Amino acid sequence: MSDTKTDTAPAKNAPGEQLRRAREGYGWTLEDVAGNLNLTVEVVRALESGDRDALPEAAFVRGYLRAYARLMEIDENTVLAGSGVGSHESIGSVVPILGKDVFKPKKDRRGLKFSETKKASWKKPLGVSILVVMAVIAAWWFSGLLPTFKGLMDSSGKEKEPSGAISIPLNTQN
């Protein structure tokens, strides 16, 4: 009889069981949890039942358990400790360890190229825009002056009276 008590005690402390009890305490369904975690109902069901065959790699399971524990406001470390998937310390690091001689001192480092181009990226369009505006103003200015100037001069360079034009004297005296 003592053997059955020890068999049932770990099942109550299993992470899936803790999460299931918390979910039922909140009154949530499997679909509610799956929607909040962006997982399928089958994955949430496998997390609660501890069915490792229906779950992906251990790294994903750790992330799912952490997210589920946060959602249920349970301490993630207690859930992960009972999960048996291990923590990142037990699986080792996948990042190579580099010596200090690999890194350059801060004064020798150059900035990233995209940050340099971002600073100068507004100067070129601004300069082109100013040139376009100046060209439009110059074209407007000269197009307004040239027809009247050409109309008053004949081919010999002498002024001629515009034909069909009515001359109205301006009274400049008040």
C-alpha atoms as a PDB file:
ATOM      1  CA  MET A   1       0.000   0.000   0.000  1.00  0.00           C
ATOM      2  CA  SER A   2       2.916   2.327   0.656  1.00  0.00           C
ATOM      3  CA  ASP A   3       4.077   1.606  -2.920  1.00  0.00           C
ATOM      4  CA  THR A   4       0.855   2.962  -4.373  1.00  0.00           C
ATOM      5  CA  LYS A   5       1.100   6.138  -2.322  1.00  0.00           C
ATOM      6  CA  THR A   6       4.594   6.840  -3.639  1.00  0.00           C
ATOM      7  CA  ASP A   7       3.406   6.177  -7.187  1.00  0.00           C
ATOM      8  CA  THR A   8       0.502   8.619  -6.930  1.00  0.00           C
ATOM      9  CA  ALA A   9       2.420  11.368  -5.119  1.00  0.00           C
ATOM     10  CA  PRO A  10       4.727  12.185  -8.043  1.00  0.00           C
ATOM     11  CA  ALA A  11       1.775  12.137 -10.421  1.00  0.00           C
ATOM     12  CA  LYS A  12       0.118  14.918  -8.413  1.00  0.00           C
ATOM     13  CA  ASN A  13       3.323  16.971  -8.556  1.00  0.00           C
ATOM     14  CA  ALA A  14       3.911  16.337 -12.245  1.00  0.00           C
ATOM     15  CA  PRO A  15       4.059  19.611 -14.196  1.00  0.00           C
ATOM     16  CA  GLY A  16       1.207  18.590 -16.461  1.00  0.00           C
ATOM     17  CA  GLU A  17      -0.980  17.821 -13.468  1.00  0.00           C
ATOM     18  CA  GLN A  18      -0.085  21.155 -11.819  1.00  0.00           C
ATOM     19  CA  LEU A  19      -0.931  23.006 -15.016  1.00  0.00           C
ATOM     20  CA  ARG A  20      -4.179  21.063 -15.517  1.00  0.00           C
ATOM     21  CA  ARG A  21      -5.310  21.819 -11.944  1.00  0.00           C
ATOM     22  CA  ALA A  22      -4.466  25.508 -12.393  1.00  0.00           C
ATOM     23  CA  ARG A  23      -6.337  25.583 -15.723  1.00  0.00           C
ATOM     24  CA  GLU A  24      -9.405  23.970 -14.182  1.00  0.00           C
ATOM     25  CA  GLY A  25      -9.126  26.363 -11.221  1.00  0.00           C
ATOM     26  CA  TYR A  26      -9.403  29.278 -13.625  1.00  0.00           C
ATOM     27  CA  GLY A  27     -12.259  27.557 -15.411  1.00  0.00           C
ATOM     28  CA  TRP A  28     -10.449  27.491 -18.740  1.00  0.00           C
ATOM     29  CA  THR A  29     -10.799  24.841 -21.409  1.00  0.00           C
ATOM     30  CA  LEU A  30      -7.979  23.254 -23.380  1.00  0.00           C
ATOM     31  CA  GLU A  31      -9.029  25.427 -26.338  1.00  0.00           C
ATOM     32  CA  ASP A  32      -8.702  28.595 -24.240  1.00  0.00           C
ATOM     33  CA  VAL A  33      -5.159  27.715 -23.187  1.00  0.00           C
ATOM     34  CA  ALA A  34      -4.192  26.623 -26.695  1.00  0.00           C
ATOM     35  CA  GLY A  35      -5.474  29.911 -28.125  1.00  0.00           C
ATOM     36  CA  ASN A  36      -3.572  31.984 -25.568  1.00  0.00           C
ATOM     37  CA  LEU A  37      -0.340  30.069 -26.123  1.00  0.00           C
ATOM     38  CA  ASN A  38      -0.728  29.821 -29.920  1.00  0.00           C
ATOM     39  CA  LEU A  39      -0.495  26.047 -29.689  1.00  0.00           C
ATOM     40  CA  THR A  40      -2.753  23.271 -30.866  1.00  0.00           C
ATOM     41  CA  VAL A  41      -5.116  21.564 -28.446  1.00  0.00           C
ATOM     42  CA  GLU A  42      -3.222  18.311 -28.987  1.00  0.00           C
ATOM     43  CA  VAL A  43       0.040  19.882 -27.785  1.00  0.00           C
ATOM     44  CA  VAL A  44      -1.618  21.319 -24.670  1.00  0.00           C
ATOM     45  CA  ARG A  45      -3.232  17.937 -23.983  1.00  0.00           C
ATOM     46  CA  ALA A  46       0.178  16.243 -24.408  1.00  0.00           C
ATOM     47  CA  LEU A  47       1.796  18.754 -22.028  1.00  0.00           C
ATOM     48  CA  GLU A  48      -0.813  18.035 -19.368  1.00  0.00           C
ATOM     49  CA  SER A  49      -0.651  14.267 -19.794  1.00  0.00           C
ATOM     50  CA  GLY A  50       3.146  14.128 -20.105  1.00  0.00           C
ATOM     51  CA  ASP A  51       2.972  12.331 -23.469  1.00  0.00           C
ATOM     52  CA  ARG A  52       6.501  12.981 -24.767  1.00  0.00           C
ATOM     53  CA  ASP A  53       5.898  11.151 -28.025  1.00  0.00           C
ATOM     54  CA  ALA A  54       3.324  13.749 -29.091  1.00  0.00           C
ATOM     55  CA  LEU A  55       5.633  16.652 -28.193  1.00  0.00           C
ATOM     56  CA  PRO A  56       8.521  18.188 -30.159  1.00  0.00           C
ATOM     57  CA  GLU A  57      12.121  18.523 -28.994  1.00  0.00           C
ATOM     58  CA  ALA A  58      12.967  19.252 -25.357  1.00  0.00           C
ATOM     59  CA  ALA A  59      13.840  22.908 -26.019  1.00  0.00           C
ATOM     60  CA  PHE A  60      10.346  23.547 -27.368  1.00  0.00           C
ATOM     61  CA  VAL A  61       8.724  21.645 -24.507  1.00  0.00           C
ATOM     62  CA  ARG A  62      10.624  23.781 -21.980  1.00  0.00           C
ATOM     63  CA  GLY A  63       9.374  26.911 -23.708  1.00  0.00           C
ATOM     64  CA  TYR A  64       5.798  25.612 -23.835  1.00  0.00           C
ATOM     65  CA  LEU A  65       5.892  24.684 -20.143  1.00  0.00           C
ATOM     66  CA  ARG A  66       7.318  28.089 -19.210  1.00  0.00           C
ATOM     67  CA  ALA A  67       4.663  29.920 -21.190  1.00  0.00           C
ATOM     68  CA  TYR A  68       1.891  27.719 -19.806  1.00  0.00           C
ATOM     69  CA  ALA A  69       3.178  28.245 -16.236  1.00  0.00           C
ATOM     70  CA  ARG A  70       3.281  32.029 -16.746  1.00  0.00           C
ATOM     71  CA  LEU A  71      -0.232  31.967 -18.131  1.00  0.00           C
ATOM     72  CA  MET A  72      -1.455  30.036 -15.093  1.00  0.00           C
ATOM     73  CA  GLU A  73       0.618  32.258 -12.744  1.00  0.00           C
ATOM     74  CA  ILE A  74       2.674  29.333 -11.454  1.00  0.00           C
ATOM     75  CA  ASP A  75       6.404  29.515 -10.768  1.00  0.00           C
ATOM     76  CA  GLU A  76       8.103  28.342 -13.968  1.00  0.00           C
ATOM     77  CA  ASN A  77      11.075  26.851 -12.165  1.00  0.00           C
ATOM     78  CA  THR A  78       8.934  24.471 -10.111  1.00  0.00           C
ATOM     79  CA  VAL A  79       7.121  23.344 -13.254  1.00  0.00           C
ATOM     80  CA  LEU A  80      10.393  22.840 -15.141  1.00  0.00           C
ATOM     81  CA  ALA A  81      12.018  21.061 -12.187  1.00  0.00           C
ATOM     82  CA  GLY A  82       9.335  18.385 -12.216  1.00  0.00           C
ATOM     83  CA  SER A  83       9.152  18.084 -15.983  1.00  0.00           C
ATOM     84  CA  GLY A  84      12.225  15.968 -16.517  1.00  0.00           C
ATOM     85  CA  VAL A  85      13.093  17.790 -19.737  1.00  0.00           C
ATOM     86  CA  GLY A  86      16.091  19.373 -18.079  1.00  0.00           C
ATOM     87  CA  SER A  87      17.183  22.945 -17.958  1.00  0.00           C
ATOM     88  CA  HIS A  88      19.634  24.760 -20.149  1.00  0.00           C
ATOM     89  CA  GLU A  89      22.430  24.108 -17.652  1.00  0.00           C
ATOM     90  CA  SER A  90      22.034  20.356 -17.957  1.00  0.00           C
ATOM     91  CA  ILE A  91      22.174  20.281 -21.754  1.00  0.00           C
ATOM     92  CA  GLY A  92      25.179  22.539 -22.115  1.00  0.00           C
ATOM     93  CA  SER A  93      25.796  25.614 -24.147  1.00  0.00           C
ATOM     94  CA  VAL A  94      25.632  25.729 -27.903  1.00  0.00           C
ATOM     95  CA  VAL A  95      27.503  29.028 -28.111  1.00  0.00           C
ATOM     96  CA  PRO A  96      31.268  28.633 -28.585  1.00  0.00           C
ATOM     97  CA  ILE A  97      33.393  30.295 -25.960  1.00  0.00           C
ATOM     98  CA  LEU A  98      35.736  32.859 -27.472  1.00  0.00           C
ATOM     99  CA  GLY A  99      38.878  34.248 -25.923  1.00  0.00           C
ATOM    100  CA  LYS A 100      39.259  37.927 -25.091  1.00  0.00           C
ATOM    101  CA  ASP A 101      41.801  38.354 -27.878  1.00  0.00           C
ATOM    102  CA  VAL A 102      39.036  37.815 -30.451  1.00  0.00           C
ATOM    103  CA  PHE A 103      37.165  40.946 -29.451  1.00  0.00           C
ATOM    104  CA  LYS A 104      38.441  44.337 -30.546  1.00  0.00           C
ATOM    105  CA  PRO A 105      38.647  47.187 -28.067  1.00  0.00           C
ATOM    106  CA  LYS A 106      35.784  49.634 -28.340  1.00  0.00           C
ATOM    107  CA  LYS A 107      37.949  52.393 -29.807  1.00  0.00           C
ATOM    108  CA  ASP A 108      39.040  50.100 -32.679  1.00  0.00           C
ATOM    109  CA  ARG A 109      35.513  48.995 -33.592  1.00  0.00           C
ATOM    110  CA  ARG A 110      33.786  50.563 -36.541  1.00  0.00           C
ATOM    111  CA  GLY A 111      30.107  51.307 -36.510  1.00  0.00           C
ATOM    112  CA  LEU A 112      27.710  49.167 -38.434  1.00  0.00           C
ATOM    113  CA  LYS A 113      27.318  50.180 -42.063  1.00  0.00           C
ATOM    114  CA  PHE A 114      23.557  50.412 -41.965  1.00  0.00           C
ATOM    115  CA  SER A 115      23.736  52.987 -39.171  1.00  0.00           C
ATOM    116  CA  GLU A 116      26.144  55.140 -41.219  1.00  0.00           C
ATOM    117  CA  THR A 117      23.941  55.038 -44.287  1.00  0.00           C
ATOM    118  CA  LYS A 118      20.892  55.892 -42.237  1.00  0.00           C
ATOM    119  CA  LYS A 119      22.470  59.137 -41.089  1.00  0.00           C
ATOM    120  CA  ALA A 120      23.371  60.196 -44.634  1.00  0.00           C
ATOM    121  CA  SER A 121      20.259  58.789 -46.305  1.00  0.00           C
ATOM    122  CA  TRP A 122      18.206  61.981 -45.844  1.00  0.00           C
ATOM    123  CA  LYS A 123      20.874  64.305 -47.317  1.00  0.00           C
ATOM    124  CA  LYS A 124      20.743  63.048 -50.892  1.00  0.00           C
ATOM    125  CA  PRO A 125      16.921  63.216 -51.289  1.00  0.00           C
ATOM    126  CA  LEU A 126      16.926  66.675 -49.695  1.00  0.00           C
ATOM    127  CA  GLY A 127      19.585  67.932 -52.121  1.00  0.00           C
ATOM    128  CA  VAL A 128      17.766  66.479 -55.128  1.00  0.00           C
ATOM    129  CA  SER A 129      14.487  68.010 -53.944  1.00  0.00           C
ATOM    130  CA  ILE A 130      16.076  71.447 -53.574  1.00  0.00           C
ATOM    131  CA  LEU A 131      17.575  71.212 -57.073  1.00  0.00           C
ATOM    132  CA  VAL A 132      14.220  70.194 -58.567  1.00  0.00           C
ATOM    133  CA  VAL A 133      12.435  73.068 -56.834  1.00  0.00           C
ATOM    134  CA  MET A 134      15.084  75.521 -58.053  1.00  0.00           C
ATOM    135  CA  ALA A 135      14.797  74.180 -61.620  1.00  0.00           C
ATOM    136  CA  VAL A 136      10.992  74.526 -61.553  1.00  0.00           C
ATOM    137  CA  ILE A 137      11.222  78.092 -60.246  1.00  0.00           C
ATOM    138  CA  ALA A 138      13.837  79.016 -62.872  1.00  0.00           C
ATOM    139  CA  ALA A 139      11.739  77.483 -65.669  1.00  0.00           C
ATOM    140  CA  TRP A 140       8.636  79.328 -64.459  1.00  0.00           C
ATOM    141  CA  TRP A 141      10.555  82.603 -64.169  1.00  0.00           C
ATOM    142  CA  PHE A 142      12.111  82.441 -67.622  1.00  0.00           C
ATOM    143  CA  SER A 143       8.969  81.144 -69.309  1.00  0.00           C
ATOM    144  CA  GLY A 144       7.092  84.177 -68.042  1.00  0.00           C
ATOM    145  CA  LEU A 145       9.704  86.701 -69.222  1.00  0.00           C
ATOM    146  CA  LEU A 146      10.848  85.304 -72.546  1.00  0.00           C
ATOM    147  CA  PRO A 147       7.583  85.512 -74.542  1.00  0.00           C
ATOM    148  CA  THR A 148       7.063  89.212 -73.757  1.00  0.00           C
ATOM    149  CA  PHE A 149      10.678  90.020 -74.493  1.00  0.00           C
ATOM    150  CA  LYS A 150      10.669  88.117 -77.811  1.00  0.00           C
ATOM    151  CA  GLY A 151       7.336  89.601 -78.794  1.00  0.00           C
ATOM    152  CA  LEU A 152       8.602  93.166 -78.506  1.00  0.00           C
ATOM    153  CA  MET A 153      11.723  92.635 -80.581  1.00  0.00           C
ATOM    154  CA  ASP A 154      11.726  91.913 -84.290  1.00  0.00           C
ATOM    155  CA  SER A 155      14.432  89.940 -86.059  1.00  0.00           C
ATOM    156  CA  SER A 156      16.530  93.058 -86.640  1.00  0.00           C
ATOM    157  CA  GLY A 157      16.662  93.769 -82.931  1.00  0.00           C
ATOM    158  CA  LYS A 158      14.460  96.842 -83.111  1.00  0.00           C
ATOM    159  CA  GLU A 159      11.360  97.268 -81.024  1.00  0.00           C
ATOM    160  CA  LYS A 160       8.141  96.882 -82.881  1.00  0.00           C
ATOM    161  CA  GLU A 161       4.643  97.758 -81.955  1.00  0.00           C
ATOM    162  CA  PRO A 162       2.615  94.689 -81.128  1.00  0.00           C
ATOM    163  CA  SER A 163      -0.049  94.197 -83.751  1.00  0.00           C
ATOM    164  CA  GLY A 164      -3.638  94.287 -82.611  1.00  0.00           C
ATOM    165  CA  ALA A 165      -2.676  95.419 -79.178  1.00  0.00           C
ATOM    166  CA  ILE A 166      -4.452  98.249 -77.487  1.00  0.00           C
ATOM    167  CA  SER A 167      -2.245 100.644 -75.688  1.00  0.00           C
ATOM    168  CA  ILE A 168      -3.661 102.057 -72.452  1.00  0.00           C
ATOM    169  CA  PRO A 169      -1.693 104.804 -70.791  1.00  0.00           C
ATOM    170  CA  LEU A 170      -1.177 104.436 -67.071  1.00  0.00           C
ATOM    171  CA  ASN A 171      -1.883 107.390 -64.896  1.00  0.00           C
ATOM    172  CA  THR A 172       0.870 107.457 -62.328  1.00  0.00           C
ATOM    173  CA  GLN A 173       0.031 110.847 -60.883  1.00  0.00           C
ATOM    174  CA  ASN A 174      -2.295 111.048 -57.969  1.00  0.00           C
END
